[in-house]
Amino acid sequence: MKNLFYIAIFVFNCFIVFAQTGEIQGRVLDMEMKGEGLPFANVYVEVNGKPRGTLTSVDGRYSIKFLPEGVYTITCEYVGYEKVFIGKVKVLDGLTTIVNFEMFYDDVIIYCPAYIIDYPTPLLKEFESGYDFAKDEVEKLPTNNFKEVINLTPGIYAPF
């Protein structure tokens, strides 16, 4: 009888804990593709200054659970699309708030410079009969163990 009482108290407390949070869910729609769901878009809210969010599913659906009761601004981002903010979204305890996003292409072209970096000289030099280590490169390595030198060479693995 005593154990039954403790189990009942535990179950009751679980309902109280889970009832103190709400949920936001909805869909992210690609308006350039006639309202199809946009997969893998980033949807998030800030809770106490920290982002909490999720990625959308293949059909554009998302769900952010266990949010404390309050008013939030929800952000949706996707590469190549304009970032969308929806503010003053009220989350109530034990309820689900539905928020859908309509995403449009971003017309701004971002210039990203490309850098070309020279690849360092390989540790091995090719000759007619095979490969040879470059002595000056091997001497610069921070190891005295020949096995480690071999394992540092790309394409070669020495399991011994």
N, C-alpha and C. Protein backbone atom coordinates (compact mmCIF):
# COMPACT_ATOMS: atom_id res chain seq x y z
N MET A 1 0.82 -1.19 0.00
CA MET A 1 0.00 0.00 0.00
C MET A 1 0.87 1.26 0.00
N LYS A 2 1.94 1.21 0.79
CA LYS A 2 2.84 2.35 0.88
C LYS A 2 3.53 2.60 -0.47
N ASN A 3 3.95 1.50 -1.14
CA ASN A 3 4.60 1.63 -2.44
C ASN A 3 3.65 2.21 -3.48
N LEU A 4 2.40 1.81 -3.43
CA LEU A 4 1.40 2.33 -4.36
C LEU A 4 1.22 3.83 -4.19
N PHE A 5 1.26 4.29 -2.94
CA PHE A 5 1.15 5.71 -2.66
C PHE A 5 2.33 6.48 -3.29
N TYR A 6 3.56 5.96 -3.14
CA TYR A 6 4.74 6.63 -3.71
C TYR A 6 4.70 6.63 -5.24
N ILE A 7 4.23 5.56 -5.82
CA ILE A 7 4.12 5.51 -7.28
C ILE A 7 3.10 6.54 -7.77
N ALA A 8 1.98 6.67 -7.07
CA ALA A 8 0.96 7.65 -7.46
C ALA A 8 1.51 9.07 -7.36
N ILE A 9 2.26 9.37 -6.31
CA ILE A 9 2.87 10.70 -6.16
C ILE A 9 3.86 10.96 -7.30
N PHE A 10 4.67 9.97 -7.64
CA PHE A 10 5.66 10.11 -8.71
C PHE A 10 4.97 10.40 -10.05
N VAL A 11 3.95 9.64 -10.37
CA VAL A 11 3.22 9.83 -11.63
C VAL A 11 2.57 11.20 -11.67
N PHE A 12 1.97 11.63 -10.58
CA PHE A 12 1.35 12.94 -10.52
C PHE A 12 2.38 14.05 -10.76
N ASN A 13 3.56 13.93 -10.16
CA ASN A 13 4.62 14.92 -10.35
C ASN A 13 5.11 14.95 -11.79
N CYS A 14 5.15 13.81 -12.45
CA CYS A 14 5.56 13.77 -13.86
C CYS A 14 4.59 14.58 -14.71
N PHE A 15 3.28 14.45 -14.45
CA PHE A 15 2.31 15.22 -15.21
C PHE A 15 2.47 16.71 -14.98
N ILE A 16 2.79 17.10 -13.76
CA ILE A 16 2.98 18.51 -13.45
C ILE A 16 4.21 19.05 -14.18
N VAL A 17 5.30 18.29 -14.20
CA VAL A 17 6.53 18.74 -14.86
C VAL A 17 6.31 18.89 -16.36
N PHE A 18 5.67 17.89 -17.00
CA PHE A 18 5.48 17.96 -18.45
C PHE A 18 4.43 18.98 -18.85
N ALA A 19 3.53 19.32 -17.97
CA ALA A 19 2.49 20.30 -18.29
C ALA A 19 3.03 21.72 -18.24
N GLN A 20 4.23 21.95 -17.75
CA GLN A 20 4.77 23.29 -17.63
C GLN A 20 5.54 23.74 -18.87
N THR A 21 5.46 22.98 -19.93
CA THR A 21 6.15 23.36 -21.16
C THR A 21 5.17 23.30 -22.32
N GLY A 22 5.49 24.06 -23.35
CA GLY A 22 4.68 24.08 -24.56
C GLY A 22 5.50 23.64 -25.75
N GLU A 23 4.89 23.74 -26.91
CA GLU A 23 5.54 23.26 -28.14
C GLU A 23 5.18 24.20 -29.29
N ILE A 24 6.15 24.36 -30.21
CA ILE A 24 5.90 25.09 -31.46
C ILE A 24 6.14 24.10 -32.58
N GLN A 25 5.20 24.03 -33.52
CA GLN A 25 5.40 23.17 -34.68
C GLN A 25 4.78 23.82 -35.90
N GLY A 26 5.16 23.33 -37.06
CA GLY A 26 4.62 23.88 -38.30
C GLY A 26 5.36 23.34 -39.50
N ARG A 27 5.26 24.10 -40.60
CA ARG A 27 5.92 23.71 -41.85
C ARG A 27 6.68 24.90 -42.41
N VAL A 28 7.77 24.60 -43.10
CA VAL A 28 8.53 25.61 -43.84
C VAL A 28 8.25 25.34 -45.31
N LEU A 29 7.66 26.34 -45.99
CA LEU A 29 7.23 26.17 -47.37
C LEU A 29 8.13 26.94 -48.32
N ASP A 30 8.51 26.29 -49.41
CA ASP A 30 9.32 26.90 -50.46
C ASP A 30 8.38 27.54 -51.46
N MET A 31 8.21 28.85 -51.40
CA MET A 31 7.26 29.54 -52.25
C MET A 31 7.74 29.63 -53.70
N GLU A 32 9.02 29.43 -53.94
CA GLU A 32 9.54 29.41 -55.31
C GLU A 32 9.16 28.09 -56.00
N MET A 33 8.84 27.07 -55.22
CA MET A 33 8.47 25.75 -55.75
C MET A 33 7.00 25.46 -55.46
N LYS A 34 6.15 26.47 -55.55
CA LYS A 34 4.70 26.33 -55.40
C LYS A 34 4.27 25.79 -54.04
N GLY A 35 4.97 26.18 -52.99
CA GLY A 35 4.56 25.83 -51.64
C GLY A 35 4.93 24.44 -51.17
N GLU A 36 5.91 23.82 -51.81
CA GLU A 36 6.37 22.51 -51.33
C GLU A 36 7.16 22.69 -50.03
N GLY A 37 7.21 21.62 -49.24
CA GLY A 37 7.98 21.67 -48.00
C GLY A 37 9.46 21.80 -48.28
N LEU A 38 10.15 22.62 -47.50
CA LEU A 38 11.58 22.85 -47.68
C LEU A 38 12.35 21.99 -46.68
N PRO A 39 13.06 20.96 -47.17
CA PRO A 39 13.75 20.05 -46.25
C PRO A 39 15.02 20.66 -45.67
N PHE A 40 15.32 20.30 -44.44
CA PHE A 40 16.57 20.64 -43.74
C PHE A 40 16.78 22.13 -43.52
N ALA A 41 15.69 22.89 -43.41
CA ALA A 41 15.79 24.30 -43.04
C ALA A 41 16.02 24.37 -41.52
N ASN A 42 16.70 25.41 -41.08
CA ASN A 42 17.02 25.59 -39.67
C ASN A 42 15.97 26.50 -39.03
N VAL A 43 15.23 25.97 -38.05
CA VAL A 43 14.20 26.74 -37.35
C VAL A 43 14.56 26.76 -35.86
N TYR A 44 14.60 27.98 -35.27
CA TYR A 44 15.00 28.05 -33.87
C TYR A 44 14.40 29.25 -33.16
N VAL A 45 14.36 29.16 -31.83
CA VAL A 45 13.97 30.27 -30.95
C VAL A 45 15.10 30.45 -29.95
N GLU A 46 15.13 31.61 -29.31
CA GLU A 46 16.12 31.84 -28.26
C GLU A 46 15.42 31.73 -26.91
N VAL A 47 15.95 30.83 -26.07
CA VAL A 47 15.44 30.64 -24.71
C VAL A 47 16.55 31.02 -23.75
N ASN A 48 16.35 32.07 -22.99
CA ASN A 48 17.35 32.59 -22.05
C ASN A 48 18.67 32.91 -22.76
N GLY A 49 18.59 33.46 -23.96
CA GLY A 49 19.78 33.87 -24.70
C GLY A 49 20.48 32.75 -25.45
N LYS A 50 19.95 31.54 -25.40
CA LYS A 50 20.56 30.41 -26.10
C LYS A 50 19.59 29.87 -27.15
N PRO A 51 20.09 29.60 -28.37
CA PRO A 51 19.18 29.10 -29.39
C PRO A 51 18.75 27.67 -29.11
N ARG A 52 17.49 27.38 -29.36
CA ARG A 52 16.96 26.02 -29.25
C ARG A 52 16.12 25.80 -30.50
N GLY A 53 16.47 24.77 -31.26
CA GLY A 53 15.75 24.58 -32.51
C GLY A 53 15.93 23.20 -33.10
N THR A 54 15.65 23.13 -34.40
CA THR A 54 15.66 21.86 -35.10
C THR A 54 15.80 22.10 -36.60
N LEU A 55 16.01 21.01 -37.33
CA LEU A 55 15.98 21.04 -38.78
C LEU A 55 14.64 20.47 -39.24
N THR A 56 14.15 20.96 -40.37
CA THR A 56 12.89 20.45 -40.87
C THR A 56 13.09 19.07 -41.48
N SER A 57 12.00 18.31 -41.52
CA SER A 57 12.04 16.97 -42.11
C SER A 57 12.03 17.09 -43.64
N VAL A 58 11.99 15.97 -44.31
CA VAL A 58 12.02 15.95 -45.78
C VAL A 58 10.82 16.69 -46.37
N ASP A 59 9.69 16.68 -45.70
CA ASP A 59 8.52 17.39 -46.22
C ASP A 59 8.35 18.79 -45.60
N GLY A 60 9.38 19.29 -44.90
CA GLY A 60 9.37 20.66 -44.38
C GLY A 60 8.73 20.84 -43.02
N ARG A 61 8.40 19.77 -42.32
CA ARG A 61 7.76 19.88 -41.00
C ARG A 61 8.82 20.00 -39.90
N TYR A 62 8.47 20.74 -38.85
CA TYR A 62 9.38 20.88 -37.71
C TYR A 62 8.58 20.90 -36.42
N SER A 63 9.28 20.65 -35.32
CA SER A 63 8.66 20.69 -34.00
C SER A 63 9.74 21.04 -32.97
N ILE A 64 9.48 22.06 -32.17
CA ILE A 64 10.38 22.45 -31.08
C ILE A 64 9.60 22.23 -29.78
N LYS A 65 10.01 21.24 -29.01
CA LYS A 65 9.27 20.85 -27.81
C LYS A 65 9.92 21.37 -26.53
N PHE A 66 9.19 21.24 -25.44
CA PHE A 66 9.65 21.56 -24.09
C PHE A 66 10.11 23.01 -23.96
N LEU A 67 9.32 23.93 -24.50
CA LEU A 67 9.61 25.35 -24.36
C LEU A 67 8.86 25.90 -23.15
N PRO A 68 9.54 26.68 -22.31
CA PRO A 68 8.85 27.30 -21.18
C PRO A 68 7.78 28.29 -21.70
N GLU A 69 6.76 28.48 -20.91
CA GLU A 69 5.70 29.42 -21.30
C GLU A 69 6.31 30.80 -21.49
N GLY A 70 5.91 31.47 -22.57
CA GLY A 70 6.43 32.80 -22.84
C GLY A 70 6.14 33.24 -24.26
N VAL A 71 6.71 34.40 -24.62
CA VAL A 71 6.56 34.96 -25.96
C VAL A 71 7.92 34.90 -26.64
N TYR A 72 7.95 34.37 -27.87
CA TYR A 72 9.20 34.13 -28.57
C TYR A 72 9.18 34.74 -29.96
N THR A 73 10.41 34.94 -30.49
CA THR A 73 10.60 35.25 -31.89
C THR A 73 11.23 34.02 -32.52
N ILE A 74 10.59 33.48 -33.56
CA ILE A 74 11.07 32.27 -34.22
C ILE A 74 11.80 32.69 -35.49
N THR A 75 12.94 32.06 -35.74
CA THR A 75 13.76 32.36 -36.90
C THR A 75 13.86 31.12 -37.78
N CYS A 76 13.78 31.33 -39.09
CA CYS A 76 13.95 30.24 -40.05
C CYS A 76 15.02 30.66 -41.06
N GLU A 77 16.01 29.78 -41.27
CA GLU A 77 17.11 30.06 -42.19
C GLU A 77 17.30 28.88 -43.13
N TYR A 78 17.73 29.21 -44.36
CA TYR A 78 18.10 28.19 -45.33
C TYR A 78 19.03 28.84 -46.33
N VAL A 79 20.06 28.14 -46.74
CA VAL A 79 21.07 28.69 -47.64
C VAL A 79 20.41 29.10 -48.96
N GLY A 80 20.66 30.34 -49.37
CA GLY A 80 20.12 30.85 -50.63
C GLY A 80 18.75 31.48 -50.49
N TYR A 81 18.15 31.45 -49.29
CA TYR A 81 16.83 32.02 -49.05
C TYR A 81 16.95 33.14 -48.03
N GLU A 82 15.97 34.05 -48.08
CA GLU A 82 15.95 35.13 -47.10
C GLU A 82 15.64 34.57 -45.71
N LYS A 83 16.32 35.12 -44.70
CA LYS A 83 16.04 34.72 -43.31
C LYS A 83 14.70 35.33 -42.91
N VAL A 84 13.86 34.52 -42.27
CA VAL A 84 12.52 34.97 -41.88
C VAL A 84 12.39 34.94 -40.35
N PHE A 85 11.88 36.04 -39.80
CA PHE A 85 11.61 36.15 -38.37
C PHE A 85 10.11 36.27 -38.17
N ILE A 86 9.56 35.55 -37.23
CA ILE A 86 8.16 35.71 -36.84
C ILE A 86 8.16 35.98 -35.34
N GLY A 87 7.71 37.18 -34.97
CA GLY A 87 7.77 37.61 -33.58
C GLY A 87 6.45 37.48 -32.85
N LYS A 88 6.52 37.67 -31.54
CA LYS A 88 5.36 37.67 -30.64
C LYS A 88 4.56 36.38 -30.73
N VAL A 89 5.28 35.24 -30.79
CA VAL A 89 4.62 33.94 -30.79
C VAL A 89 4.45 33.50 -29.34
N LYS A 90 3.22 33.32 -28.92
CA LYS A 90 2.93 32.98 -27.53
C LYS A 90 2.88 31.47 -27.37
N VAL A 91 3.66 30.96 -26.41
CA VAL A 91 3.67 29.54 -26.07
C VAL A 91 3.04 29.40 -24.69
N LEU A 92 2.03 28.55 -24.60
CA LEU A 92 1.34 28.32 -23.34
C LEU A 92 1.61 26.91 -22.84
N ASP A 93 1.54 26.74 -21.52
CA ASP A 93 1.81 25.44 -20.91
C ASP A 93 0.86 24.36 -21.44
N GLY A 94 1.44 23.25 -21.87
CA GLY A 94 0.66 22.11 -22.30
C GLY A 94 0.00 22.24 -23.66
N LEU A 95 0.23 23.35 -24.38
CA LEU A 95 -0.40 23.56 -25.68
C LEU A 95 0.64 23.61 -26.81
N THR A 96 0.17 23.36 -28.03
CA THR A 96 1.02 23.42 -29.21
C THR A 96 0.63 24.63 -30.03
N THR A 97 1.61 25.47 -30.37
CA THR A 97 1.40 26.65 -31.20
C THR A 97 1.86 26.31 -32.62
N ILE A 98 1.01 26.58 -33.62
CA ILE A 98 1.33 26.28 -35.01
C ILE A 98 1.86 27.55 -35.68
N VAL A 99 3.07 27.46 -36.28
CA VAL A 99 3.67 28.58 -36.99
C VAL A 99 4.27 28.04 -38.29
N ASN A 100 3.76 28.54 -39.43
CA ASN A 100 4.28 28.14 -40.74
C ASN A 100 5.11 29.27 -41.34
N PHE A 101 6.15 28.91 -42.08
CA PHE A 101 7.03 29.87 -42.73
C PHE A 101 6.89 29.77 -44.24
N GLU A 102 6.95 30.93 -44.92
CA GLU A 102 7.00 30.96 -46.38
C GLU A 102 8.35 31.54 -46.77
N MET A 103 9.16 30.74 -47.45
CA MET A 103 10.53 31.14 -47.79
C MET A 103 10.63 31.53 -49.26
N PHE A 104 11.40 32.60 -49.52
CA PHE A 104 11.64 33.09 -50.88
C PHE A 104 13.14 33.18 -51.11
N TYR A 105 13.55 33.06 -52.37
CA TYR A 105 14.97 33.17 -52.72
C TYR A 105 15.51 34.52 -52.30
N ASP A 106 16.78 34.54 -51.92
CA ASP A 106 17.46 35.79 -51.59
C ASP A 106 18.10 36.31 -52.87
N ASP A 107 17.77 37.54 -53.27
CA ASP A 107 18.29 38.10 -54.52
C ASP A 107 19.69 38.66 -54.39
N VAL A 108 20.22 38.73 -53.18
CA VAL A 108 21.54 39.30 -52.95
C VAL A 108 22.60 38.25 -53.30
N ILE A 109 23.55 38.63 -54.13
CA ILE A 109 24.66 37.73 -54.46
C ILE A 109 25.82 38.08 -53.55
N ILE A 110 26.29 37.09 -52.83
CA ILE A 110 27.39 37.31 -51.90
C ILE A 110 28.69 36.94 -52.59
N TYR A 111 29.66 37.86 -52.54
CA TYR A 111 30.95 37.60 -53.14
C TYR A 111 31.85 36.92 -52.11
N CYS A 112 32.31 35.75 -52.44
CA CYS A 112 33.21 35.01 -51.56
C CYS A 112 34.53 34.78 -52.30
N PRO A 113 35.59 35.45 -51.88
CA PRO A 113 36.86 35.25 -52.59
C PRO A 113 37.39 33.84 -52.38
N ALA A 114 38.05 33.33 -53.40
CA ALA A 114 38.66 32.00 -53.31
C ALA A 114 40.16 32.18 -53.14
N TYR A 115 40.73 31.39 -52.26
CA TYR A 115 42.16 31.44 -52.03
C TYR A 115 42.79 30.15 -52.52
N ILE A 116 43.89 30.27 -53.21
CA ILE A 116 44.61 29.10 -53.68
C ILE A 116 45.86 28.96 -52.82
N ILE A 117 45.95 27.82 -52.17
CA ILE A 117 47.07 27.55 -51.28
C ILE A 117 47.92 26.45 -51.90
N ASP A 118 49.23 26.68 -51.96
CA ASP A 118 50.12 25.67 -52.51
C ASP A 118 50.17 24.46 -51.60
N TYR A 119 50.07 23.29 -52.20
CA TYR A 119 50.17 22.05 -51.44
C TYR A 119 51.63 21.81 -51.12
N PRO A 120 51.98 21.45 -49.88
CA PRO A 120 53.38 21.24 -49.55
C PRO A 120 53.97 20.05 -50.32
N THR A 121 55.28 20.09 -50.48
CA THR A 121 55.99 19.01 -51.15
C THR A 121 55.75 17.71 -50.39
N PRO A 122 55.39 16.63 -51.10
CA PRO A 122 55.16 15.37 -50.38
C PRO A 122 56.43 14.84 -49.74
N LEU A 123 56.22 14.04 -48.72
CA LEU A 123 57.34 13.47 -47.99
C LEU A 123 58.09 12.45 -48.84
N LEU A 124 57.42 11.83 -49.79
CA LEU A 124 58.04 10.84 -50.66
C LEU A 124 58.31 11.45 -52.02
N LYS A 125 59.44 11.08 -52.62
CA LYS A 125 59.77 11.49 -53.98
C LYS A 125 59.76 10.27 -54.87
N GLU A 126 59.14 10.39 -56.05
CA GLU A 126 59.00 9.25 -56.94
C GLU A 126 60.23 9.12 -57.84
N PHE A 127 60.73 7.89 -57.93
CA PHE A 127 61.82 7.55 -58.83
C PHE A 127 61.35 6.39 -59.70
N GLU A 128 62.21 5.96 -60.65
CA GLU A 128 61.84 4.86 -61.54
C GLU A 128 61.57 3.56 -60.78
N SER A 129 62.33 3.28 -59.74
CA SER A 129 62.20 2.00 -59.03
C SER A 129 61.23 2.07 -57.84
N GLY A 130 60.63 3.22 -57.57
CA GLY A 130 59.71 3.31 -56.43
C GLY A 130 59.74 4.70 -55.83
N TYR A 131 59.70 4.76 -54.51
CA TYR A 131 59.65 6.02 -53.79
C TYR A 131 60.85 6.14 -52.86
N ASP A 132 61.21 7.39 -52.55
CA ASP A 132 62.32 7.65 -51.66
C ASP A 132 61.92 8.82 -50.75
N PHE A 133 62.31 8.74 -49.48
CA PHE A 133 62.03 9.82 -48.54
C PHE A 133 62.97 10.98 -48.78
N ALA A 134 62.44 12.20 -48.65
CA ALA A 134 63.27 13.39 -48.74
C ALA A 134 63.95 13.58 -47.38
N LYS A 135 65.26 13.50 -47.35
CA LYS A 135 66.02 13.51 -46.09
C LYS A 135 65.78 14.78 -45.27
N ASP A 136 65.82 15.92 -45.92
CA ASP A 136 65.66 17.17 -45.18
C ASP A 136 64.25 17.31 -44.58
N GLU A 137 63.23 16.78 -45.24
CA GLU A 137 61.87 16.82 -44.70
C GLU A 137 61.72 15.88 -43.49
N VAL A 138 62.35 14.70 -43.56
CA VAL A 138 62.28 13.74 -42.45
C VAL A 138 62.98 14.29 -41.22
N GLU A 139 64.08 14.99 -41.40
CA GLU A 139 64.82 15.55 -40.27
C GLU A 139 64.03 16.65 -39.56
N LYS A 140 63.14 17.32 -40.26
CA LYS A 140 62.33 18.38 -39.66
C LYS A 140 61.18 17.85 -38.81
N LEU A 141 60.83 16.58 -38.98
CA LEU A 141 59.69 16.02 -38.24
C LEU A 141 60.01 15.91 -36.75
N PRO A 142 59.00 16.09 -35.88
CA PRO A 142 59.23 16.06 -34.44
C PRO A 142 59.22 14.63 -33.87
N THR A 143 59.73 13.68 -34.61
CA THR A 143 59.76 12.30 -34.12
C THR A 143 61.06 11.62 -34.52
N ASN A 144 61.48 10.66 -33.74
CA ASN A 144 62.66 9.87 -34.07
C ASN A 144 62.28 8.43 -34.44
N ASN A 145 61.00 8.14 -34.39
CA ASN A 145 60.52 6.80 -34.63
C ASN A 145 60.18 6.64 -36.11
N PHE A 146 60.78 5.66 -36.76
CA PHE A 146 60.58 5.45 -38.19
C PHE A 146 59.14 5.06 -38.51
N LYS A 147 58.49 4.32 -37.60
CA LYS A 147 57.09 3.92 -37.83
C LYS A 147 56.18 5.15 -37.92
N GLU A 148 56.42 6.13 -37.06
CA GLU A 148 55.61 7.34 -37.09
C GLU A 148 55.85 8.13 -38.37
N VAL A 149 57.06 8.14 -38.86
CA VAL A 149 57.36 8.82 -40.12
C VAL A 149 56.59 8.18 -41.26
N ILE A 150 56.56 6.85 -41.29
CA ILE A 150 55.83 6.15 -42.35
C ILE A 150 54.34 6.45 -42.26
N ASN A 151 53.77 6.46 -41.04
CA ASN A 151 52.35 6.71 -40.88
C ASN A 151 51.96 8.15 -41.19
N LEU A 152 52.90 9.08 -41.16
CA LEU A 152 52.62 10.47 -41.52
C LEU A 152 52.56 10.67 -43.03
N THR A 153 53.03 9.72 -43.78
CA THR A 153 53.07 9.83 -45.23
C THR A 153 51.69 9.50 -45.81
N PRO A 154 51.12 10.38 -46.63
CA PRO A 154 49.80 10.12 -47.18
C PRO A 154 49.79 8.85 -48.03
N GLY A 155 48.77 8.02 -47.84
CA GLY A 155 48.61 6.82 -48.64
C GLY A 155 49.36 5.62 -48.11
N ILE A 156 50.09 5.77 -47.01
CA ILE A 156 50.85 4.65 -46.45
C ILE A 156 50.45 4.47 -45.00
N TYR A 157 50.24 3.21 -44.63
CA TYR A 157 49.91 2.88 -43.25
C TYR A 157 50.76 1.70 -42.82
N ALA A 158 51.47 1.84 -41.71
CA ALA A 158 52.31 0.77 -41.19
C ALA A 158 51.70 0.26 -39.90
N PRO A 159 51.01 -0.88 -39.92
CA PRO A 159 50.34 -1.36 -38.71
C PRO A 159 51.25 -2.00 -37.68
N PHE A 160 52.55 -2.06 -37.93
CA PHE A 160 53.46 -2.74 -36.99
C PHE A 160 53.89 -1.83 -35.88
